[in-house]
Amino acid sequence: MRIPCPFCGSRDSREFVHRGDAGPARPADGADAEAMFDYVYQRANPAGLIREHWYHAQGCRNWIVVERDTRSHAVSGGAWPGPAR
């Protein structure tokens, strides 16, 4: 599987570390234990397009957000997380 790093270009997925779904937002400080439990452990497992965090450990050492289809593992894009750089 090839992952398009915005800085290094298309690279082999073995250069990256997968973190998981980029969708869930961390609860605010002072949130109850149930909200934190849900954030850490409760994940959807959709069949289809998903946004994921990947760390380019063997390259530029940046976190990127990758759009990947979970049925075919086809990657449709990679971008910096947050505001555009």
PDB file of N, CA and C in Angstrom:
ATOM      1  N   MET A   1       0.854  -1.169   0.000  1.00  0.00           N
ATOM      2  CA  MET A   1       0.000   0.000   0.000  1.00  0.00           C
ATOM      3  C   MET A   1       0.904   1.237   0.000  1.00  0.00           C
ATOM      4  N   ARG A   2       0.587   2.192  -0.841  1.00  0.00           N
ATOM      5  CA  ARG A   2       1.320   3.453  -0.941  1.00  0.00           C
ATOM      6  C   ARG A   2       0.544   4.546  -0.227  1.00  0.00           C
ATOM      7  N   ILE A   3       1.250   5.381   0.540  1.00  0.00           N
ATOM      8  CA  ILE A   3       0.634   6.487   1.257  1.00  0.00           C
ATOM      9  C   ILE A   3       1.230   7.787   0.745  1.00  0.00           C
ATOM     10  N   PRO A   4       0.373   8.746   0.339  1.00  0.00           N
ATOM     11  CA  PRO A   4       0.873  10.019  -0.183  1.00  0.00           C
ATOM     12  C   PRO A   4       1.207  10.990   0.951  1.00  0.00           C
ATOM     13  N   CYS A   5       2.484  11.105   1.280  1.00  0.00           N
ATOM     14  CA  CYS A   5       2.924  12.060   2.299  1.00  0.00           C
ATOM     15  C   CYS A   5       2.998  13.444   1.645  1.00  0.00           C
ATOM     16  N   PRO A   6       2.390  14.464   2.257  1.00  0.00           N
ATOM     17  CA  PRO A   6       2.412  15.799   1.650  1.00  0.00           C
ATOM     18  C   PRO A   6       3.822  16.374   1.515  1.00  0.00           C
ATOM     19  N   PHE A   7       4.767  15.890   2.328  1.00  0.00           N
ATOM     20  CA  PHE A   7       6.128  16.416   2.276  1.00  0.00           C
ATOM     21  C   PHE A   7       7.051  15.536   1.435  1.00  0.00           C
ATOM     22  N   CYS A   8       6.958  14.209   1.609  1.00  0.00           N
ATOM     23  CA  CYS A   8       7.898  13.272   0.966  1.00  0.00           C
ATOM     24  C   CYS A   8       7.386  12.651  -0.327  1.00  0.00           C
ATOM     25  N   GLY A   9       6.106  12.805  -0.622  1.00  0.00           N
ATOM     26  CA  GLY A   9       5.533  12.168  -1.805  1.00  0.00           C
ATOM     27  C   GLY A   9       5.014  10.778  -1.477  1.00  0.00           C
ATOM     28  N   SER A  10       4.722   9.992  -2.489  1.00  0.00           N
ATOM     29  CA  SER A  10       4.173   8.651  -2.319  1.00  0.00           C
ATOM     30  C   SER A  10       5.231   7.721  -1.727  1.00  0.00           C
ATOM     31  N   ARG A  11       4.897   7.090  -0.585  1.00  0.00           N
ATOM     32  CA  ARG A  11       5.850   6.220   0.110  1.00  0.00           C
ATOM     33  C   ARG A  11       5.170   4.901   0.479  1.00  0.00           C
ATOM     34  N   ASP A  12       5.960   3.870   0.718  1.00  0.00           N
ATOM     35  CA  ASP A  12       5.456   2.575   1.138  1.00  0.00           C
ATOM     36  C   ASP A  12       4.880   2.672   2.554  1.00  0.00           C
ATOM     37  N   SER A  13       3.792   1.974   2.820  1.00  0.00           N
ATOM     38  CA  SER A  13       3.132   2.059   4.129  1.00  0.00           C
ATOM     39  C   SER A  13       4.008   1.540   5.270  1.00  0.00           C
ATOM     40  N   ARG A  14       5.034   0.746   4.967  1.00  0.00           N
ATOM     41  CA  ARG A  14       5.930   0.242   6.029  1.00  0.00           C
ATOM     42  C   ARG A  14       6.759   1.344   6.664  1.00  0.00           C
ATOM     43  N   GLU A  15       6.798   2.530   6.047  1.00  0.00           N
ATOM     44  CA  GLU A  15       7.509   3.670   6.620  1.00  0.00           C
ATOM     45  C   GLU A  15       6.670   4.393   7.673  1.00  0.00           C
ATOM     46  N   PHE A  16       5.396   4.020   7.796  1.00  0.00           N
ATOM     47  CA  PHE A  16       4.449   4.743   8.642  1.00  0.00           C
ATOM     48  C   PHE A  16       4.000   3.907   9.830  1.00  0.00           C
ATOM     49  N   VAL A  17       3.515   4.601  10.855  1.00  0.00           N
ATOM     50  CA  VAL A  17       2.871   3.974  12.003  1.00  0.00           C
ATOM     51  C   VAL A  17       1.415   4.430  11.982  1.00  0.00           C
ATOM     52  N   HIS A  18       0.512   3.471  12.077  1.00  0.00           N
ATOM     53  CA  HIS A  18      -0.925   3.756  12.019  1.00  0.00           C
ATOM     54  C   HIS A  18      -1.445   4.051  13.421  1.00  0.00           C
ATOM     55  N   ARG A  19      -2.156   5.160  13.589  1.00  0.00           N
ATOM     56  CA  ARG A  19      -2.740   5.513  14.887  1.00  0.00           C
ATOM     57  C   ARG A  19      -4.216   5.170  14.957  1.00  0.00           C
ATOM     58  N   GLY A  20      -4.937   5.362  13.867  1.00  0.00           N
ATOM     59  CA  GLY A  20      -6.359   5.034  13.859  1.00  0.00           C
ATOM     60  C   GLY A  20      -7.218   6.172  13.360  1.00  0.00           C
ATOM     61  N   ASP A  21      -8.495   6.063  13.644  1.00  0.00           N
ATOM     62  CA  ASP A  21      -9.518   6.987  13.175  1.00  0.00           C
ATOM     63  C   ASP A  21      -9.198   8.420  13.589  1.00  0.00           C
ATOM     64  N   ALA A  22      -9.248   9.332  12.630  1.00  0.00           N
ATOM     65  CA  ALA A  22      -8.958  10.748  12.907  1.00  0.00           C
ATOM     66  C   ALA A  22     -10.206  11.527  13.291  1.00  0.00           C
ATOM     67  N   GLY A  23     -11.363  10.856  13.352  1.00  0.00           N
ATOM     68  CA  GLY A  23     -12.614  11.542  13.602  1.00  0.00           C
ATOM     69  C   GLY A  23     -12.904  11.942  15.037  1.00  0.00           C
ATOM     70  N   PRO A  24     -12.729  11.037  16.018  1.00  0.00           N
ATOM     71  CA  PRO A  24     -13.120  11.376  17.389  1.00  0.00           C
ATOM     72  C   PRO A  24     -12.348  12.573  17.947  1.00  0.00           C
ATOM     73  N   ALA A  25     -13.073  13.436  18.645  1.00  0.00           N
ATOM     74  CA  ALA A  25     -12.455  14.607  19.277  1.00  0.00           C
ATOM     75  C   ALA A  25     -12.269  14.328  20.770  1.00  0.00           C
ATOM     76  N   ARG A  26     -11.104  14.692  21.287  1.00  0.00           N
ATOM     77  CA  ARG A  26     -10.807  14.477  22.702  1.00  0.00           C
ATOM     78  C   ARG A  26     -11.773  15.291  23.565  1.00  0.00           C
ATOM     79  N   PRO A  27     -12.308  14.680  24.638  1.00  0.00           N
ATOM     80  CA  PRO A  27     -13.213  15.428  25.529  1.00  0.00           C
ATOM     81  C   PRO A  27     -12.482  16.597  26.187  1.00  0.00           C
ATOM     82  N   ALA A  28     -13.251  17.605  26.552  1.00  0.00           N
ATOM     83  CA  ALA A  28     -12.687  18.791  27.214  1.00  0.00           C
ATOM     84  C   ALA A  28     -12.117  18.406  28.581  1.00  0.00           C
ATOM     85  N   ASP A  29     -11.176  19.212  29.077  1.00  0.00           N
ATOM     86  CA  ASP A  29     -10.640  18.991  30.419  1.00  0.00           C
ATOM     87  C   ASP A  29     -11.784  18.967  31.421  1.00  0.00           C
ATOM     88  N   GLY A  30     -11.709  18.047  32.368  1.00  0.00           N
ATOM     89  CA  GLY A  30     -12.740  17.939  33.386  1.00  0.00           C
ATOM     90  C   GLY A  30     -13.917  17.070  32.973  1.00  0.00           C
ATOM     91  N   ALA A  31     -13.824  16.436  31.802  1.00  0.00           N
ATOM     92  CA  ALA A  31     -14.910  15.557  31.357  1.00  0.00           C
ATOM     93  C   ALA A  31     -14.989  14.341  32.273  1.00  0.00           C
ATOM     94  N   ASP A  32     -16.176  13.762  32.369  1.00  0.00           N
ATOM     95  CA  ASP A  32     -16.341  12.606  33.248  1.00  0.00           C
ATOM     96  C   ASP A  32     -15.639  11.373  32.676  1.00  0.00           C
ATOM     97  N   ALA A  33     -15.517  10.350  33.516  1.00  0.00           N
ATOM     98  CA  ALA A  33     -14.808   9.126  33.137  1.00  0.00           C
ATOM     99  C   ALA A  33     -15.483   8.419  31.963  1.00  0.00           C
ATOM    100  N   GLU A  34     -16.802   8.485  31.892  1.00  0.00           N
ATOM    101  CA  GLU A  34     -17.520   7.825  30.805  1.00  0.00           C
ATOM    102  C   GLU A  34     -17.189   8.455  29.449  1.00  0.00           C
ATOM    103  N   ALA A  35     -17.092   9.774  29.410  1.00  0.00           N
ATOM    104  CA  ALA A  35     -16.745  10.463  28.164  1.00  0.00           C
ATOM    105  C   ALA A  35     -15.326  10.092  27.728  1.00  0.00           C
ATOM    106  N   MET A  36     -14.405   9.998  28.675  1.00  0.00           N
ATOM    107  CA  MET A  36     -13.032   9.621  28.328  1.00  0.00           C
ATOM    108  C   MET A  36     -12.957   8.156  27.897  1.00  0.00           C
ATOM    109  N   PHE A  37     -13.715   7.285  28.550  1.00  0.00           N
ATOM    110  CA  PHE A  37     -13.772   5.879  28.160  1.00  0.00           C
ATOM    111  C   PHE A  37     -14.254   5.743  26.724  1.00  0.00           C
ATOM    112  N   ASP A  38     -15.344   6.456  26.407  1.00  0.00           N
ATOM    113  CA  ASP A  38     -15.881   6.412  25.043  1.00  0.00           C
ATOM    114  C   ASP A  38     -14.858   6.901  24.024  1.00  0.00           C
ATOM    115  N   TYR A  39     -14.129   7.959  24.345  1.00  0.00           N
ATOM    116  CA  TYR A  39     -13.122   8.508  23.434  1.00  0.00           C
ATOM    117  C   TYR A  39     -11.990   7.510  23.183  1.00  0.00           C
ATOM    118  N   VAL A  40     -11.543   6.833  24.226  1.00  0.00           N
ATOM    119  CA  VAL A  40     -10.394   5.933  24.100  1.00  0.00           C
ATOM    120  C   VAL A  40     -10.779   4.577  23.502  1.00  0.00           C
ATOM    121  N   TYR A  41     -11.916   4.007  23.916  1.00  0.00           N
ATOM    122  CA  TYR A  41     -12.216   2.616  23.574  1.00  0.00           C
ATOM    123  C   TYR A  41     -13.346   2.397  22.580  1.00  0.00           C
ATOM    124  N   GLN A  42     -14.299   3.277  22.497  1.00  0.00           N
ATOM    125  CA  GLN A  42     -15.464   3.053  21.636  1.00  0.00           C
ATOM    126  C   GLN A  42     -15.205   3.616  20.240  1.00  0.00           C
ATOM    127  N   ARG A  43     -14.976   2.734  19.281  1.00  0.00           N
ATOM    128  CA  ARG A  43     -14.703   3.153  17.906  1.00  0.00           C
ATOM    129  C   ARG A  43     -15.664   2.473  16.950  1.00  0.00           C
ATOM    130  N   ALA A  44     -16.077   3.208  15.961  1.00  0.00           N
ATOM    131  CA  ALA A  44     -16.878   2.629  14.881  1.00  0.00           C
ATOM    132  C   ALA A  44     -15.928   1.855  13.972  1.00  0.00           C
ATOM    133  N   ASN A  45     -16.436   0.896  13.276  1.00  0.00           N
ATOM    134  CA  ASN A  45     -15.642   0.113  12.336  1.00  0.00           C
ATOM    135  C   ASN A  45     -16.349   0.125  10.987  1.00  0.00           C
ATOM    136  N   PRO A  46     -16.366   1.295  10.325  1.00  0.00           N
ATOM    137  CA  PRO A  46     -17.145   1.417   9.086  1.00  0.00           C
ATOM    138  C   PRO A  46     -16.507   0.687   7.911  1.00  0.00           C
ATOM    139  N   ALA A  47     -17.353   0.231   7.023  1.00  0.00           N
ATOM    140  CA  ALA A  47     -16.879  -0.332   5.762  1.00  0.00           C
ATOM    141  C   ALA A  47     -16.981   0.789   4.734  1.00  0.00           C
ATOM    142  N   GLY A  48     -15.844   1.289   4.311  1.00  0.00           N
ATOM    143  CA  GLY A  48     -15.844   2.378   3.345  1.00  0.00           C
ATOM    144  C   GLY A  48     -14.767   3.389   3.661  1.00  0.00           C
ATOM    145  N   LEU A  49     -14.976   4.606   3.200  1.00  0.00           N
ATOM    146  CA  LEU A  49     -13.991   5.669   3.332  1.00  0.00           C
ATOM    147  C   LEU A  49     -13.879   6.139   4.783  1.00  0.00           C
ATOM    148  N   ILE A  50     -12.647   6.240   5.276  1.00  0.00           N
ATOM    149  CA  ILE A  50     -12.379   6.684   6.638  1.00  0.00           C
ATOM    150  C   ILE A  50     -11.143   7.578   6.627  1.00  0.00           C
ATOM    151  N   ARG A  51     -11.111   8.549   7.539  1.00  0.00           N
ATOM    152  CA  ARG A  51      -9.932   9.408   7.705  1.00  0.00           C
ATOM    153  C   ARG A  51      -9.136   8.857   8.887  1.00  0.00           C
ATOM    154  N   GLU A  52      -7.815   8.662   8.695  1.00  0.00           N
ATOM    155  CA  GLU A  52      -6.969   8.060   9.728  1.00  0.00           C
ATOM    156  C   GLU A  52      -5.706   8.888   9.948  1.00  0.00           C
ATOM    157  N   HIS A  53      -5.173   8.811  11.160  1.00  0.00           N
ATOM    158  CA  HIS A  53      -3.877   9.420  11.465  1.00  0.00           C
ATOM    159  C   HIS A  53      -2.773   8.405  11.177  1.00  0.00           C
ATOM    160  N   TRP A  54      -1.736   8.850  10.490  1.00  0.00           N
ATOM    161  CA  TRP A  54      -0.547   8.040  10.225  1.00  0.00           C
ATOM    162  C   TRP A  54       0.672   8.900  10.551  1.00  0.00           C
ATOM    163  N   TYR A  55       1.693   8.273  11.156  1.00  0.00           N
ATOM    164  CA  TYR A  55       2.941   8.958  11.511  1.00  0.00           C
ATOM    165  C   TYR A  55       4.038   8.469  10.578  1.00  0.00           C
ATOM    166  N   HIS A  56       4.717   9.379   9.903  1.00  0.00           N
ATOM    167  CA  HIS A  56       5.776   9.009   8.961  1.00  0.00           C
ATOM    168  C   HIS A  56       7.095   8.824   9.725  1.00  0.00           C
ATOM    169  N   ALA A  57       7.214   7.685  10.395  1.00  0.00           N
ATOM    170  CA  ALA A  57       8.346   7.398  11.276  1.00  0.00           C
ATOM    171  C   ALA A  57       9.670   7.261  10.524  1.00  0.00           C
ATOM    172  N   GLN A  58       9.645   6.725   9.318  1.00  0.00           N
ATOM    173  CA  GLN A  58      10.875   6.505   8.554  1.00  0.00           C
ATOM    174  C   GLN A  58      11.084   7.567   7.483  1.00  0.00           C
ATOM    175  N   GLY A  59      10.478   8.702   7.682  1.00  0.00           N
ATOM    176  CA  GLY A  59      10.596   9.788   6.703  1.00  0.00           C
ATOM    177  C   GLY A  59      10.680  11.127   7.399  1.00  0.00           C
ATOM    178  N   CYS A  60       9.709  11.977   7.151  1.00  0.00           N
ATOM    179  CA  CYS A  60       9.736  13.357   7.646  1.00  0.00           C
ATOM    180  C   CYS A  60       9.331  13.486   9.115  1.00  0.00           C
ATOM    181  N   ARG A  61       8.858  12.400   9.727  1.00  0.00           N
ATOM    182  CA  ARG A  61       8.445  12.374  11.144  1.00  0.00           C
ATOM    183  C   ARG A  61       7.308  13.343  11.433  1.00  0.00           C
ATOM    184  N   ASN A  62       6.377  13.421  10.524  1.00  0.00           N
ATOM    185  CA  ASN A  62       5.184  14.249  10.695  1.00  0.00           C
ATOM    186  C   ASN A  62       3.955  13.362  10.750  1.00  0.00           C
ATOM    187  N   TRP A  63       2.929  13.815  11.480  1.00  0.00           N
ATOM    188  CA  TRP A  63       1.623  13.177  11.475  1.00  0.00           C
ATOM    189  C   TRP A  63       0.869  13.678  10.253  1.00  0.00           C
ATOM    190  N   ILE A  64       0.176  12.771   9.576  1.00  0.00           N
ATOM    191  CA  ILE A  64      -0.666  13.162   8.454  1.00  0.00           C
ATOM    192  C   ILE A  64      -2.033  12.496   8.600  1.00  0.00           C
ATOM    193  N   VAL A  65      -3.020  13.045   7.912  1.00  0.00           N
ATOM    194  CA  VAL A  65      -4.352  12.450   7.856  1.00  0.00           C
ATOM    195  C   VAL A  65      -4.510  11.840   6.475  1.00  0.00           C
ATOM    196  N   VAL A  66      -4.843  10.550   6.445  1.00  0.00           N
ATOM    197  CA  VAL A  66      -4.969   9.802   5.195  1.00  0.00           C
ATOM    198  C   VAL A  66      -6.416   9.359   5.026  1.00  0.00           C
ATOM    199  N   GLU A  67      -6.958   9.503   3.835  1.00  0.00           N
ATOM    200  CA  GLU A  67      -8.276   8.968   3.519  1.00  0.00           C
ATOM    201  C   GLU A  67      -8.085   7.609   2.866  1.00  0.00           C
ATOM    202  N   ARG A  68      -8.676   6.565   3.499  1.00  0.00           N
ATOM    203  CA  ARG A  68      -8.482   5.201   3.020  1.00  0.00           C
ATOM    204  C   ARG A  68      -9.814   4.466   3.033  1.00  0.00           C
ATOM    205  N   ASP A  69     -10.050   3.647   2.003  1.00  0.00           N
ATOM    206  CA  ASP A  69     -11.235   2.810   1.938  1.00  0.00           C
ATOM    207  C   ASP A  69     -10.918   1.508   2.666  1.00  0.00           C
ATOM    208  N   THR A  70     -11.665   1.195   3.723  1.00  0.00           N
ATOM    209  CA  THR A  70     -11.374   0.008   4.533  1.00  0.00           C
ATOM    210  C   THR A  70     -11.711  -1.298   3.820  1.00  0.00           C
ATOM    211  N   ARG A  71     -12.493  -1.234   2.741  1.00  0.00           N
ATOM    212  CA  ARG A  71     -12.826  -2.455   2.009  1.00  0.00           C
ATOM    213  C   ARG A  71     -11.718  -2.853   1.050  1.00  0.00           C
ATOM    214  N   SER A  72     -11.078  -1.898   0.412  1.00  0.00           N
ATOM    215  CA  SER A  72     -10.072  -2.199  -0.607  1.00  0.00           C
ATOM    216  C   SER A  72      -8.671  -1.728  -0.235  1.00  0.00           C
ATOM    217  N   HIS A  73      -8.548  -0.951   0.845  1.00  0.00           N
ATOM    218  CA  HIS A  73      -7.297  -0.317   1.280  1.00  0.00           C
ATOM    219  C   HIS A  73      -6.780   0.702   0.267  1.00  0.00           C
ATOM    220  N   ALA A  74      -7.643   1.143  -0.631  1.00  0.00           N
ATOM    221  CA  ALA A  74      -7.263   2.172  -1.602  1.00  0.00           C
ATOM    222  C   ALA A  74      -7.158   3.514  -0.881  1.00  0.00           C
ATOM    223  N   VAL A  75      -6.017   4.174  -1.032  1.00  0.00           N
ATOM    224  CA  VAL A  75      -5.780   5.468  -0.400  1.00  0.00           C
ATOM    225  C   VAL A  75      -6.116   6.555  -1.402  1.00  0.00           C
ATOM    226  N   SER A  76      -6.978   7.498  -0.978  1.00  0.00           N
ATOM    227  CA  SER A  76      -7.398   8.540  -1.908  1.00  0.00           C
ATOM    228  C   SER A  76      -6.773   9.892  -1.608  1.00  0.00           C
ATOM    229  N   GLY A  77      -6.009  10.006  -0.546  1.00  0.00           N
ATOM    230  CA  GLY A  77      -5.358  11.282  -0.288  1.00  0.00           C
ATOM    231  C   GLY A  77      -4.682  11.333   1.067  1.00  0.00           C
ATOM    232  N   GLY A  78      -3.749  12.267   1.196  1.00  0.00           N
ATOM    233  CA  GLY A  78      -3.054  12.508   2.450  1.00  0.00           C
ATOM    234  C   GLY A  78      -2.856  13.995   2.633  1.00  0.00           C
ATOM    235  N   ALA A  79      -2.987  14.477   3.864  1.00  0.00           N
ATOM    236  CA  ALA A  79      -2.865  15.912   4.121  1.00  0.00           C
ATOM    237  C   ALA A  79      -2.351  16.138   5.540  1.00  0.00           C
ATOM    238  N   TRP A  80      -1.871  17.341   5.788  1.00  0.00           N
ATOM    239  CA  TRP A  80      -1.463  17.709   7.131  1.00  0.00           C
ATOM    240  C   TRP A  80      -2.701  17.779   8.014  1.00  0.00           C
ATOM    241  N   PRO A  81      -2.623  17.361   9.267  1.00  0.00           N
ATOM    242  CA  PRO A  81      -3.779  17.544  10.153  1.00  0.00           C
ATOM    243  C   PRO A  81      -3.913  19.015  10.537  1.00  0.00           C
ATOM    244  N   GLY A  82      -5.120  19.446  10.792  1.00  0.00           N
ATOM    245  CA  GLY A  82      -5.341  20.833  11.198  1.00  0.00           C
ATOM    246  C   GLY A  82      -5.255  21.795  10.041  1.00  0.00           C
ATOM    247  N   PRO A  83      -4.889  23.050  10.330  1.00  0.00           N
ATOM    248  CA  PRO A  83      -4.805  24.085   9.283  1.00  0.00           C
ATOM    249  C   PRO A  83      -3.755  23.736   8.227  1.00  0.00           C
ATOM    250  N   ALA A  84      -3.991  24.146   7.006  1.00  0.00           N
ATOM    251  CA  ALA A  84      -3.038  23.895   5.912  1.00  0.00           C
ATOM    252  C   ALA A  84      -1.715  24.566   6.196  1.00  0.00           C
ATOM    253  N   ARG A  85      -0.627  23.871   5.834  1.00  0.00           N
ATOM    254  CA  ARG A  85       0.723  24.426   6.022  1.00  0.00           C
ATOM    255  C   ARG A  85       1.212  25.068   4.762  1.00  0.00           C
TER     256      ARG A  85
END
